[in-house]
Amino acid sequence: MTRFPHDRFDDVTDGPRVGAHRGMHRRGRGWIAFAWAALATGVLVGIGVLVLALLNGSYSFTGDSSSAPSASASSSASSSSSSSPSDGSSSSSSSSSESAAATPADQGSTTLVVLNGTSTPGLAASGTSKLTAAGWKVTSSGNAGTTGTASTIVYYQQESQAALAKGIAQSLGVTAVEQSAAFPNADISVVLGADFSG
């Protein structure tokens, strides 16, 4: 066994600690690290889900910001022309416009969503391009919550949007129009069914 010469460290007494030593751990440091790790994990998972949804084609943003001012200008022009007083013929013209189908020029700021209600891929994009070619402004498109829809239906929120819904249905070559609050994210929602041929 090796013997070392006697030095000052061999004469340690029970006095106060001198020199470098570890201080006491502060309470809660582990929770702060855990919270940062959980936040980073949540952000990464959210970004991953969004990227996968965009790559899968679940979401499609076709809104055009350059056409928004012209749409609001046309809607304000149409509202000002329809609000001009006349001699009782306005009530008969409004009732006839509700029974007749509206045109894309009447859309104004009404939001329109096209949803694929089947398992056929790309059906929402096909319906969107058909409506866009007819002059309608589609706000967004994507997949519906169900894939077993048999027939295409155009849903509208308010009674004043019935004429627009009929016009959209005619542009798609269907007749089913229904008032419903099942799709609160848009004024008019088109759910494409198995009967739709893009």
N, C-alpha and C. Protein backbone atom coordinates (compact mmCIF):
# COMPACT_ATOMS: atom_id res chain seq x y z
N MET A 1 0.83 -1.16 0.00
CA MET A 1 0.00 0.00 0.00
C MET A 1 0.88 1.24 0.00
N THR A 2 0.50 2.22 -0.83
CA THR A 2 1.32 3.41 -0.98
C THR A 2 1.04 4.38 0.15
N ARG A 3 2.11 4.94 0.67
CA ARG A 3 1.97 5.93 1.74
C ARG A 3 2.35 7.28 1.19
N PHE A 4 1.48 8.28 1.41
CA PHE A 4 1.74 9.65 0.97
C PHE A 4 2.22 10.47 2.16
N PRO A 5 2.98 11.51 1.90
CA PRO A 5 3.44 12.34 3.02
C PRO A 5 2.28 13.10 3.65
N HIS A 6 2.41 13.39 4.91
CA HIS A 6 1.39 14.11 5.67
C HIS A 6 1.27 15.54 5.14
N ASP A 7 -0.01 16.00 4.89
CA ASP A 7 -0.24 17.38 4.45
C ASP A 7 -1.37 17.98 5.24
N ARG A 8 -1.77 19.21 4.87
CA ARG A 8 -2.79 19.94 5.64
C ARG A 8 -4.17 19.33 5.55
N PHE A 9 -4.46 18.55 4.53
CA PHE A 9 -5.79 17.94 4.41
C PHE A 9 -5.98 16.79 5.39
N ASP A 10 -4.87 16.30 5.91
CA ASP A 10 -4.98 15.23 6.91
C ASP A 10 -5.41 15.78 8.26
N ASP A 11 -5.31 17.08 8.44
CA ASP A 11 -5.66 17.71 9.72
C ASP A 11 -7.02 18.38 9.64
N VAL A 12 -8.03 17.74 9.09
CA VAL A 12 -9.36 18.31 8.96
C VAL A 12 -10.04 18.27 10.31
N THR A 13 -10.64 19.38 10.66
CA THR A 13 -11.39 19.45 11.90
C THR A 13 -12.87 19.54 11.58
N ASP A 14 -13.68 19.56 12.57
CA ASP A 14 -15.13 19.63 12.37
C ASP A 14 -15.60 21.07 12.27
N GLY A 15 -14.84 21.97 11.74
CA GLY A 15 -15.21 23.37 11.61
C GLY A 15 -16.10 23.59 10.40
N PRO A 16 -16.32 24.85 10.03
CA PRO A 16 -17.18 25.16 8.88
C PRO A 16 -16.53 24.69 7.58
N ARG A 17 -17.36 24.39 6.62
CA ARG A 17 -16.86 23.91 5.33
C ARG A 17 -16.20 25.05 4.58
N VAL A 18 -15.06 24.78 4.03
CA VAL A 18 -14.29 25.78 3.31
C VAL A 18 -13.99 25.23 1.93
N GLY A 19 -14.12 26.09 0.92
CA GLY A 19 -13.79 25.67 -0.42
C GLY A 19 -15.04 25.46 -1.27
N ALA A 20 -14.85 24.88 -2.45
CA ALA A 20 -15.95 24.67 -3.38
C ALA A 20 -16.79 23.48 -2.96
N HIS A 21 -18.06 23.68 -2.94
CA HIS A 21 -19.00 22.59 -2.66
C HIS A 21 -20.33 22.91 -3.33
N ARG A 22 -21.14 21.92 -3.48
CA ARG A 22 -22.43 22.11 -4.13
C ARG A 22 -23.42 22.72 -3.15
N GLY A 23 -24.13 23.73 -3.66
CA GLY A 23 -25.15 24.35 -2.84
C GLY A 23 -26.41 23.50 -2.84
N MET A 24 -27.36 23.88 -2.03
CA MET A 24 -28.60 23.12 -1.95
C MET A 24 -29.43 23.36 -3.20
N HIS A 25 -30.14 22.34 -3.67
CA HIS A 25 -31.00 22.46 -4.85
C HIS A 25 -32.22 23.32 -4.52
N ARG A 26 -32.54 24.21 -5.46
CA ARG A 26 -33.75 25.00 -5.29
C ARG A 26 -34.95 24.16 -5.67
N ARG A 27 -36.04 24.34 -4.95
CA ARG A 27 -37.24 23.56 -5.22
C ARG A 27 -37.94 24.10 -6.47
N GLY A 28 -38.51 23.20 -7.29
CA GLY A 28 -39.29 23.60 -8.45
C GLY A 28 -38.51 23.69 -9.73
N ARG A 29 -37.21 23.49 -9.70
CA ARG A 29 -36.43 23.59 -10.94
C ARG A 29 -36.82 22.48 -11.91
N GLY A 30 -37.18 21.33 -11.43
CA GLY A 30 -37.59 20.22 -12.29
C GLY A 30 -38.90 20.51 -13.02
N TRP A 31 -39.82 21.20 -12.36
CA TRP A 31 -41.11 21.52 -12.99
C TRP A 31 -40.95 22.53 -14.12
N ILE A 32 -40.03 23.46 -13.97
CA ILE A 32 -39.80 24.44 -15.03
C ILE A 32 -39.27 23.74 -16.28
N ALA A 33 -38.32 22.85 -16.10
CA ALA A 33 -37.78 22.10 -17.24
C ALA A 33 -38.86 21.23 -17.88
N PHE A 34 -39.71 20.62 -17.04
CA PHE A 34 -40.79 19.79 -17.56
C PHE A 34 -41.79 20.63 -18.36
N ALA A 35 -42.11 21.83 -17.86
CA ALA A 35 -43.07 22.69 -18.56
C ALA A 35 -42.53 23.12 -19.92
N TRP A 36 -41.24 23.47 -19.99
CA TRP A 36 -40.64 23.84 -21.28
C TRP A 36 -40.63 22.66 -22.24
N ALA A 37 -40.32 21.48 -21.73
CA ALA A 37 -40.31 20.29 -22.59
C ALA A 37 -41.71 19.97 -23.10
N ALA A 38 -42.73 20.12 -22.25
CA ALA A 38 -44.10 19.85 -22.68
C ALA A 38 -44.56 20.87 -23.72
N LEU A 39 -44.20 22.15 -23.53
CA LEU A 39 -44.56 23.18 -24.50
C LEU A 39 -43.90 22.92 -25.85
N ALA A 40 -42.62 22.58 -25.83
CA ALA A 40 -41.92 22.29 -27.08
C ALA A 40 -42.51 21.07 -27.78
N THR A 41 -42.88 20.05 -27.02
CA THR A 41 -43.51 18.86 -27.60
C THR A 41 -44.84 19.20 -28.23
N GLY A 42 -45.66 20.00 -27.54
CA GLY A 42 -46.96 20.39 -28.08
C GLY A 42 -46.83 21.19 -29.36
N VAL A 43 -45.88 22.12 -29.41
CA VAL A 43 -45.68 22.92 -30.62
C VAL A 43 -45.24 22.03 -31.78
N LEU A 44 -44.30 21.12 -31.53
CA LEU A 44 -43.81 20.23 -32.59
C LEU A 44 -44.92 19.29 -33.10
N VAL A 45 -45.73 18.77 -32.19
CA VAL A 45 -46.84 17.90 -32.61
C VAL A 45 -47.85 18.69 -33.43
N GLY A 46 -48.17 19.92 -33.01
CA GLY A 46 -49.11 20.75 -33.76
C GLY A 46 -48.61 21.06 -35.16
N ILE A 47 -47.34 21.40 -35.28
CA ILE A 47 -46.76 21.67 -36.60
C ILE A 47 -46.78 20.42 -37.46
N GLY A 48 -46.48 19.28 -36.86
CA GLY A 48 -46.49 18.02 -37.61
C GLY A 48 -47.87 17.66 -38.12
N VAL A 49 -48.89 17.85 -37.29
CA VAL A 49 -50.27 17.56 -37.71
C VAL A 49 -50.69 18.48 -38.85
N LEU A 50 -50.35 19.77 -38.75
CA LEU A 50 -50.70 20.71 -39.80
C LEU A 50 -50.00 20.37 -41.11
N VAL A 51 -48.71 20.02 -41.05
CA VAL A 51 -47.98 19.67 -42.27
C VAL A 51 -48.56 18.41 -42.90
N LEU A 52 -48.87 17.40 -42.07
CA LEU A 52 -49.46 16.17 -42.62
C LEU A 52 -50.83 16.42 -43.23
N ALA A 53 -51.63 17.29 -42.60
CA ALA A 53 -52.95 17.61 -43.15
C ALA A 53 -52.83 18.32 -44.48
N LEU A 54 -51.87 19.24 -44.59
CA LEU A 54 -51.68 19.94 -45.87
C LEU A 54 -51.15 19.00 -46.94
N LEU A 55 -50.24 18.10 -46.57
CA LEU A 55 -49.71 17.14 -47.54
C LEU A 55 -50.76 16.13 -47.97
N ASN A 56 -51.65 15.78 -47.04
CA ASN A 56 -52.70 14.81 -47.33
C ASN A 56 -53.83 15.41 -48.16
N GLY A 57 -53.91 16.72 -48.21
CA GLY A 57 -54.97 17.39 -48.97
C GLY A 57 -56.24 17.59 -48.18
N SER A 58 -56.18 17.46 -46.85
CA SER A 58 -57.38 17.65 -46.03
C SER A 58 -57.82 19.09 -46.02
N TYR A 59 -56.87 20.02 -46.15
CA TYR A 59 -57.20 21.43 -46.15
C TYR A 59 -56.70 22.06 -47.43
N SER A 60 -57.49 22.99 -47.94
CA SER A 60 -57.09 23.72 -49.14
C SER A 60 -57.59 25.14 -48.99
N PHE A 61 -56.68 26.09 -49.07
CA PHE A 61 -57.03 27.49 -48.93
C PHE A 61 -56.98 28.12 -50.32
N THR A 62 -58.16 28.44 -50.86
CA THR A 62 -58.21 29.00 -52.20
C THR A 62 -58.69 30.43 -52.19
N GLY A 63 -58.81 31.03 -51.02
CA GLY A 63 -59.26 32.42 -50.93
C GLY A 63 -58.24 33.35 -51.57
N ASP A 64 -58.69 34.37 -52.26
CA ASP A 64 -57.82 35.32 -52.92
C ASP A 64 -58.04 36.68 -52.31
N SER A 65 -57.01 37.23 -51.65
CA SER A 65 -57.17 38.51 -50.96
C SER A 65 -57.33 39.67 -51.93
N SER A 66 -56.85 39.50 -53.18
CA SER A 66 -56.97 40.61 -54.13
C SER A 66 -58.40 40.79 -54.62
N SER A 67 -59.21 39.72 -54.55
CA SER A 67 -60.59 39.85 -55.02
C SER A 67 -61.54 40.27 -53.91
N ALA A 68 -61.05 40.32 -52.66
CA ALA A 68 -61.93 40.68 -51.54
C ALA A 68 -62.46 42.10 -51.63
N PRO A 69 -61.63 43.12 -51.97
CA PRO A 69 -62.19 44.47 -52.05
C PRO A 69 -63.23 44.61 -53.13
N SER A 70 -63.04 43.95 -54.27
CA SER A 70 -64.03 44.07 -55.34
C SER A 70 -65.33 43.38 -54.95
N ALA A 71 -65.23 42.28 -54.19
CA ALA A 71 -66.44 41.60 -53.75
C ALA A 71 -67.22 42.46 -52.77
N SER A 72 -66.51 43.12 -51.84
CA SER A 72 -67.22 43.97 -50.89
C SER A 72 -67.80 45.20 -51.58
N ALA A 73 -67.09 45.69 -52.60
CA ALA A 73 -67.62 46.84 -53.33
C ALA A 73 -68.87 46.46 -54.12
N SER A 74 -68.86 45.26 -54.70
CA SER A 74 -70.05 44.84 -55.44
C SER A 74 -71.21 44.56 -54.51
N SER A 75 -70.91 44.02 -53.31
CA SER A 75 -72.00 43.76 -52.37
C SER A 75 -72.59 45.06 -51.85
N SER A 76 -71.72 46.08 -51.61
CA SER A 76 -72.27 47.36 -51.14
C SER A 76 -73.05 48.05 -52.25
N ALA A 77 -72.60 47.87 -53.51
CA ALA A 77 -73.34 48.46 -54.62
C ALA A 77 -74.68 47.78 -54.81
N SER A 78 -74.70 46.45 -54.66
CA SER A 78 -75.97 45.75 -54.83
C SER A 78 -76.91 46.05 -53.68
N SER A 79 -76.36 46.22 -52.45
CA SER A 79 -77.24 46.54 -51.33
C SER A 79 -77.79 47.95 -51.44
N SER A 80 -76.97 48.89 -51.95
CA SER A 80 -77.48 50.24 -52.09
C SER A 80 -78.52 50.32 -53.19
N SER A 81 -78.36 49.51 -54.25
CA SER A 81 -79.35 49.55 -55.31
C SER A 81 -80.65 48.88 -54.89
N SER A 82 -80.52 47.83 -54.04
CA SER A 82 -81.74 47.16 -53.61
C SER A 82 -82.45 47.92 -52.51
N SER A 83 -81.73 48.83 -51.80
CA SER A 83 -82.37 49.57 -50.72
C SER A 83 -83.04 50.85 -51.20
N SER A 84 -82.92 51.16 -52.48
CA SER A 84 -83.57 52.37 -52.96
C SER A 84 -85.09 52.20 -52.93
N PRO A 85 -85.80 53.20 -52.41
CA PRO A 85 -87.25 53.06 -52.28
C PRO A 85 -87.94 53.08 -53.65
N SER A 86 -88.97 52.27 -53.75
CA SER A 86 -89.80 52.26 -54.96
C SER A 86 -91.25 52.14 -54.54
N ASP A 87 -92.13 52.09 -55.48
CA ASP A 87 -93.56 52.16 -55.17
C ASP A 87 -94.18 50.79 -54.94
N GLY A 88 -93.64 50.00 -53.99
CA GLY A 88 -94.25 48.72 -53.65
C GLY A 88 -93.77 47.58 -54.52
N SER A 89 -93.00 47.85 -55.56
CA SER A 89 -92.54 46.75 -56.40
C SER A 89 -91.35 46.04 -55.79
N SER A 90 -90.74 46.62 -54.73
CA SER A 90 -89.57 45.99 -54.12
C SER A 90 -89.96 44.72 -53.39
N SER A 91 -91.14 44.67 -52.77
CA SER A 91 -91.54 43.46 -52.06
C SER A 91 -91.79 42.32 -53.03
N SER A 92 -92.36 42.60 -54.18
CA SER A 92 -92.59 41.52 -55.14
C SER A 92 -91.29 41.07 -55.78
N SER A 93 -90.31 42.00 -55.98
CA SER A 93 -89.04 41.59 -56.56
C SER A 93 -88.22 40.78 -55.58
N SER A 94 -88.32 41.08 -54.26
CA SER A 94 -87.56 40.30 -53.29
C SER A 94 -88.13 38.90 -53.16
N SER A 95 -89.44 38.74 -53.23
CA SER A 95 -90.01 37.40 -53.15
C SER A 95 -89.70 36.60 -54.40
N SER A 96 -89.63 37.25 -55.55
CA SER A 96 -89.30 36.51 -56.76
C SER A 96 -87.82 36.15 -56.78
N SER A 97 -86.94 36.98 -56.15
CA SER A 97 -85.52 36.63 -56.12
C SER A 97 -85.26 35.47 -55.17
N GLU A 98 -86.09 35.30 -54.13
CA GLU A 98 -85.92 34.17 -53.24
C GLU A 98 -86.32 32.87 -53.92
N SER A 99 -87.31 32.91 -54.79
CA SER A 99 -87.73 31.69 -55.46
C SER A 99 -86.83 31.36 -56.64
N ALA A 100 -86.22 32.38 -57.24
CA ALA A 100 -85.33 32.14 -58.37
C ALA A 100 -83.91 31.94 -57.86
N ALA A 101 -83.09 31.30 -58.68
CA ALA A 101 -81.70 31.07 -58.32
C ALA A 101 -80.88 32.33 -58.55
N ALA A 102 -79.96 32.61 -57.64
CA ALA A 102 -79.09 33.78 -57.75
C ALA A 102 -77.90 33.45 -58.64
N THR A 103 -77.21 34.48 -59.06
CA THR A 103 -76.02 34.34 -59.91
C THR A 103 -74.77 34.60 -59.08
N PRO A 104 -73.58 34.27 -59.60
CA PRO A 104 -72.36 34.56 -58.85
C PRO A 104 -72.17 36.04 -58.54
N ALA A 105 -72.74 36.92 -59.33
CA ALA A 105 -72.62 38.35 -59.06
C ALA A 105 -73.35 38.75 -57.78
N ASP A 106 -74.32 37.94 -57.36
CA ASP A 106 -75.09 38.21 -56.14
C ASP A 106 -74.42 37.69 -54.88
N GLN A 107 -73.28 37.00 -55.01
CA GLN A 107 -72.65 36.35 -53.85
C GLN A 107 -72.17 37.35 -52.81
N GLY A 108 -71.56 38.43 -53.23
CA GLY A 108 -71.09 39.44 -52.29
C GLY A 108 -70.06 38.86 -51.33
N SER A 109 -70.27 39.04 -50.03
CA SER A 109 -69.33 38.54 -49.02
C SER A 109 -69.78 37.22 -48.42
N THR A 110 -70.73 36.55 -49.04
CA THR A 110 -71.21 35.26 -48.55
C THR A 110 -70.09 34.23 -48.69
N THR A 111 -69.77 33.55 -47.58
CA THR A 111 -68.70 32.55 -47.60
C THR A 111 -69.23 31.22 -48.11
N LEU A 112 -68.41 30.55 -48.92
CA LEU A 112 -68.79 29.30 -49.58
C LEU A 112 -67.70 28.27 -49.35
N VAL A 113 -68.07 27.11 -48.80
CA VAL A 113 -67.13 26.03 -48.52
C VAL A 113 -67.58 24.79 -49.29
N VAL A 114 -66.62 24.09 -49.89
CA VAL A 114 -66.89 22.85 -50.61
C VAL A 114 -66.25 21.70 -49.85
N LEU A 115 -67.05 20.70 -49.48
CA LEU A 115 -66.56 19.57 -48.69
C LEU A 115 -66.79 18.25 -49.43
N ASN A 116 -65.81 17.37 -49.35
CA ASN A 116 -65.89 16.06 -49.96
C ASN A 116 -66.53 15.11 -48.95
N GLY A 117 -67.72 14.64 -49.22
CA GLY A 117 -68.42 13.73 -48.32
C GLY A 117 -68.26 12.27 -48.68
N THR A 118 -67.30 11.97 -49.54
CA THR A 118 -67.05 10.59 -49.97
C THR A 118 -65.60 10.23 -49.69
N SER A 119 -65.23 9.00 -50.01
CA SER A 119 -63.84 8.57 -49.88
C SER A 119 -63.06 8.77 -51.17
N THR A 120 -63.70 9.35 -52.19
CA THR A 120 -63.01 9.61 -53.46
C THR A 120 -62.05 10.77 -53.29
N PRO A 121 -60.75 10.57 -53.52
CA PRO A 121 -59.80 11.68 -53.34
C PRO A 121 -59.94 12.73 -54.44
N GLY A 122 -59.78 13.99 -54.04
CA GLY A 122 -59.78 15.09 -55.00
C GLY A 122 -61.15 15.58 -55.42
N LEU A 123 -62.21 15.07 -54.81
CA LEU A 123 -63.56 15.46 -55.22
C LEU A 123 -63.86 16.91 -54.83
N ALA A 124 -63.36 17.35 -53.67
CA ALA A 124 -63.58 18.73 -53.25
C ALA A 124 -62.87 19.70 -54.19
N ALA A 125 -61.67 19.34 -54.63
CA ALA A 125 -60.94 20.19 -55.57
C ALA A 125 -61.66 20.27 -56.91
N SER A 126 -62.25 19.15 -57.33
CA SER A 126 -63.01 19.13 -58.58
C SER A 126 -64.26 20.00 -58.48
N GLY A 127 -64.97 19.91 -57.36
CA GLY A 127 -66.15 20.75 -57.16
C GLY A 127 -65.79 22.22 -57.06
N THR A 128 -64.66 22.51 -56.39
CA THR A 128 -64.20 23.90 -56.27
C THR A 128 -63.89 24.48 -57.64
N SER A 129 -63.18 23.71 -58.49
CA SER A 129 -62.84 24.23 -59.81
C SER A 129 -64.08 24.42 -60.68
N LYS A 130 -65.08 23.55 -60.51
CA LYS A 130 -66.32 23.69 -61.28
C LYS A 130 -67.07 24.96 -60.88
N LEU A 131 -67.12 25.23 -59.58
CA LEU A 131 -67.81 26.44 -59.10
C LEU A 131 -67.02 27.70 -59.46
N THR A 132 -65.70 27.63 -59.36
CA THR A 132 -64.86 28.77 -59.71
C THR A 132 -65.00 29.10 -61.20
N ALA A 133 -65.07 28.07 -62.03
CA ALA A 133 -65.24 28.29 -63.46
C ALA A 133 -66.60 28.92 -63.76
N ALA A 134 -67.60 28.63 -62.91
CA ALA A 134 -68.92 29.22 -63.10
C ALA A 134 -69.00 30.65 -62.56
N GLY A 135 -67.94 31.10 -61.86
CA GLY A 135 -67.92 32.47 -61.37
C GLY A 135 -68.11 32.62 -59.87
N TRP A 136 -68.31 31.53 -59.14
CA TRP A 136 -68.50 31.60 -57.69
C TRP A 136 -67.15 31.72 -57.00
N LYS A 137 -67.14 32.41 -55.85
CA LYS A 137 -65.91 32.57 -55.08
C LYS A 137 -65.95 31.58 -53.91
N VAL A 138 -65.13 30.52 -54.00
CA VAL A 138 -65.07 29.50 -52.96
C VAL A 138 -64.08 29.93 -51.90
N THR A 139 -64.52 29.97 -50.64
CA THR A 139 -63.67 30.41 -49.54
C THR A 139 -62.63 29.36 -49.20
N SER A 140 -63.05 28.10 -49.05
CA SER A 140 -62.12 27.01 -48.76
C SER A 140 -62.77 25.69 -49.14
N SER A 141 -61.95 24.64 -49.15
CA SER A 141 -62.46 23.31 -49.46
C SER A 141 -61.70 22.30 -48.63
N GLY A 142 -62.27 21.12 -48.48
CA GLY A 142 -61.64 20.07 -47.68
C GLY A 142 -62.53 18.85 -47.60
N ASN A 143 -62.26 17.99 -46.63
CA ASN A 143 -63.03 16.77 -46.44
C ASN A 143 -64.10 16.99 -45.38
N ALA A 144 -65.26 16.39 -45.60
CA ALA A 144 -66.34 16.45 -44.60
C ALA A 144 -66.04 15.46 -43.48
N GLY A 145 -66.81 15.52 -42.42
CA GLY A 145 -66.61 14.63 -41.29
C GLY A 145 -67.00 13.20 -41.57
N THR A 146 -67.74 12.96 -42.63
CA THR A 146 -68.17 11.62 -42.97
C THR A 146 -67.82 11.32 -44.42
N THR A 147 -67.69 10.04 -44.75
CA THR A 147 -67.34 9.67 -46.12
C THR A 147 -68.43 8.85 -46.78
N GLY A 148 -69.60 8.77 -46.18
CA GLY A 148 -70.66 7.94 -46.73
C GLY A 148 -71.81 8.72 -47.33
N THR A 149 -71.58 9.94 -47.79
CA THR A 149 -72.64 10.76 -48.35
C THR A 149 -73.01 10.26 -49.73
N ALA A 150 -74.30 9.98 -49.94
CA ALA A 150 -74.74 9.43 -51.23
C ALA A 150 -75.06 10.52 -52.25
N SER A 151 -75.73 11.59 -51.81
CA SER A 151 -76.12 12.63 -52.77
C SER A 151 -75.59 13.99 -52.35
N THR A 152 -75.30 14.82 -53.32
CA THR A 152 -74.76 16.15 -53.08
C THR A 152 -75.86 17.08 -52.59
N ILE A 153 -75.59 17.81 -51.51
CA ILE A 153 -76.56 18.74 -50.93
C ILE A 153 -75.87 20.08 -50.68
N VAL A 154 -76.55 21.17 -51.00
CA VAL A 154 -76.06 22.52 -50.72
C VAL A 154 -76.81 23.03 -49.49
N TYR A 155 -76.07 23.26 -48.40
CA TYR A 155 -76.65 23.73 -47.15
C TYR A 155 -76.44 25.24 -47.02
N TYR A 156 -77.45 25.95 -46.52
CA TYR A 156 -77.32 27.38 -46.27
C TYR A 156 -77.80 27.68 -44.87
N GLN A 157 -77.28 28.78 -44.28
CA GLN A 157 -77.56 29.12 -42.89
C GLN A 157 -78.88 29.87 -42.73
N GLN A 158 -79.05 30.97 -43.50
CA GLN A 158 -80.19 31.85 -43.31
C GLN A 158 -81.11 31.79 -44.52
N GLU A 159 -82.36 32.14 -44.31
CA GLU A 159 -83.36 32.09 -45.38
C GLU A 159 -82.99 33.02 -46.54
N SER A 160 -82.31 34.12 -46.22
CA SER A 160 -81.93 35.07 -47.28
C SER A 160 -80.87 34.50 -48.22
N GLN A 161 -80.25 33.38 -47.85
CA GLN A 161 -79.22 32.77 -48.68
C GLN A 161 -79.75 31.63 -49.53
N ALA A 162 -81.06 31.41 -49.51
CA ALA A 162 -81.65 30.29 -50.26
C ALA A 162 -81.45 30.44 -51.76
N ALA A 163 -81.59 31.65 -52.27
CA ALA A 163 -81.42 31.87 -53.71
C ALA A 163 -79.99 31.60 -54.14
N LEU A 164 -79.01 32.01 -53.31
CA LEU A 164 -77.62 31.73 -53.63
C LEU A 164 -77.36 30.22 -53.63
N ALA A 165 -77.94 29.53 -52.64
CA ALA A 165 -77.76 28.08 -52.57
C ALA A 165 -78.33 27.40 -53.81
N LYS A 166 -79.49 27.89 -54.30
CA LYS A 166 -80.08 27.31 -55.52
C LYS A 166 -79.19 27.56 -56.73
N GLY A 167 -78.62 28.75 -56.81
CA GLY A 167 -77.72 29.06 -57.92
C GLY A 167 -76.47 28.20 -57.91
N ILE A 168 -75.93 27.96 -56.71
CA ILE A 168 -74.74 27.11 -56.58
C ILE A 168 -75.09 25.67 -56.96
N ALA A 169 -76.26 25.22 -56.52
CA ALA A 169 -76.69 23.86 -56.87
C ALA A 169 -76.85 23.71 -58.38
N GLN A 170 -77.42 24.71 -59.03
CA GLN A 170 -77.57 24.65 -60.49
C GLN A 170 -76.21 24.61 -61.18
N SER A 171 -75.23 25.36 -60.66
CA SER A 171 -73.90 25.35 -61.26
C SER A 171 -73.24 23.99 -61.12
N LEU A 172 -73.58 23.25 -60.07
CA LEU A 172 -73.03 21.92 -59.87
C LEU A 172 -73.84 20.83 -60.57
N GLY A 173 -75.02 21.19 -61.07
CA GLY A 173 -75.87 20.21 -61.74
C GLY A 173 -76.68 19.35 -60.78
N VAL A 174 -76.97 19.88 -59.58
CA VAL A 174 -77.78 19.15 -58.59
C VAL A 174 -78.97 20.02 -58.21
N THR A 175 -79.91 19.44 -57.47
CA THR A 175 -81.11 20.19 -57.08
C THR A 175 -81.32 20.24 -55.57
N ALA A 176 -80.61 19.42 -54.80
CA ALA A 176 -80.86 19.33 -53.36
C ALA A 176 -80.28 20.54 -52.64
N VAL A 177 -81.18 21.33 -52.01
CA VAL A 177 -80.82 22.52 -51.25
C VAL A 177 -81.54 22.43 -49.92
N GLU A 178 -80.83 22.72 -48.82
CA GLU A 178 -81.44 22.56 -47.50
C GLU A 178 -80.90 23.59 -46.52
N GLN A 179 -81.79 24.17 -45.72
CA GLN A 179 -81.36 25.09 -44.68
C GLN A 179 -80.96 24.30 -43.45
N SER A 180 -79.76 24.57 -42.93
CA SER A 180 -79.26 23.81 -41.79
C SER A 180 -78.20 24.63 -41.07
N ALA A 181 -78.11 24.41 -39.76
CA ALA A 181 -77.07 25.05 -38.95
C ALA A 181 -75.96 24.07 -38.62
N ALA A 182 -75.87 22.98 -39.37
CA ALA A 182 -74.87 21.94 -39.11
C ALA A 182 -73.46 22.38 -39.48
N PHE A 183 -73.33 23.41 -40.33
CA PHE A 183 -72.03 23.89 -40.77
C PHE A 183 -71.89 25.37 -40.40
N PRO A 184 -71.53 25.67 -39.14
CA PRO A 184 -71.51 27.07 -38.70
C PRO A 184 -70.33 27.89 -39.20
N ASN A 185 -69.33 27.24 -39.82
CA ASN A 185 -68.13 27.97 -40.24
C ASN A 185 -68.28 28.68 -41.58
N ALA A 186 -69.39 28.48 -42.27
CA ALA A 186 -69.59 29.12 -43.57
C ALA A 186 -71.07 29.42 -43.76
N ASP A 187 -71.36 30.44 -44.59
CA ASP A 187 -72.75 30.77 -44.88
C ASP A 187 -73.40 29.67 -45.73
N ILE A 188 -72.66 29.18 -46.73
CA ILE A 188 -73.16 28.11 -47.60
C ILE A 188 -72.10 27.02 -47.66
N SER A 189 -72.52 25.78 -47.42
CA SER A 189 -71.61 24.64 -47.44
C SER A 189 -72.13 23.61 -48.43
N VAL A 190 -71.27 23.21 -49.36
CA VAL A 190 -71.60 22.19 -50.34
C VAL A 190 -70.96 20.88 -49.88
N VAL A 191 -71.77 19.85 -49.64
CA VAL A 191 -71.25 18.53 -49.29
C VAL A 191 -71.43 17.64 -50.52
N LEU A 192 -70.33 17.30 -51.16
CA LEU A 192 -70.38 16.51 -52.38
C LEU A 192 -70.56 15.05 -52.03
N GLY A 193 -71.52 14.42 -52.73
CA GLY A 193 -71.80 13.01 -52.50
C GLY A 193 -71.32 12.12 -53.63
N ALA A 194 -71.67 10.85 -53.54
CA ALA A 194 -71.24 9.88 -54.55
C ALA A 194 -71.86 10.16 -55.91
N ASP A 195 -72.96 10.91 -55.97
CA ASP A 195 -73.60 11.20 -57.24
C ASP A 195 -72.91 12.32 -58.01
N PHE A 196 -71.94 13.00 -57.39
CA PHE A 196 -71.30 14.13 -58.05
C PHE A 196 -70.23 13.63 -59.01
N SER A 197 -70.30 14.09 -60.24
CA SER A 197 -69.26 13.77 -61.22
C SER A 197 -68.62 15.07 -61.63
N GLY A 198 -67.38 15.27 -61.17
CA GLY A 198 -66.67 16.52 -61.39
C GLY A 198 -66.53 16.84 -62.83
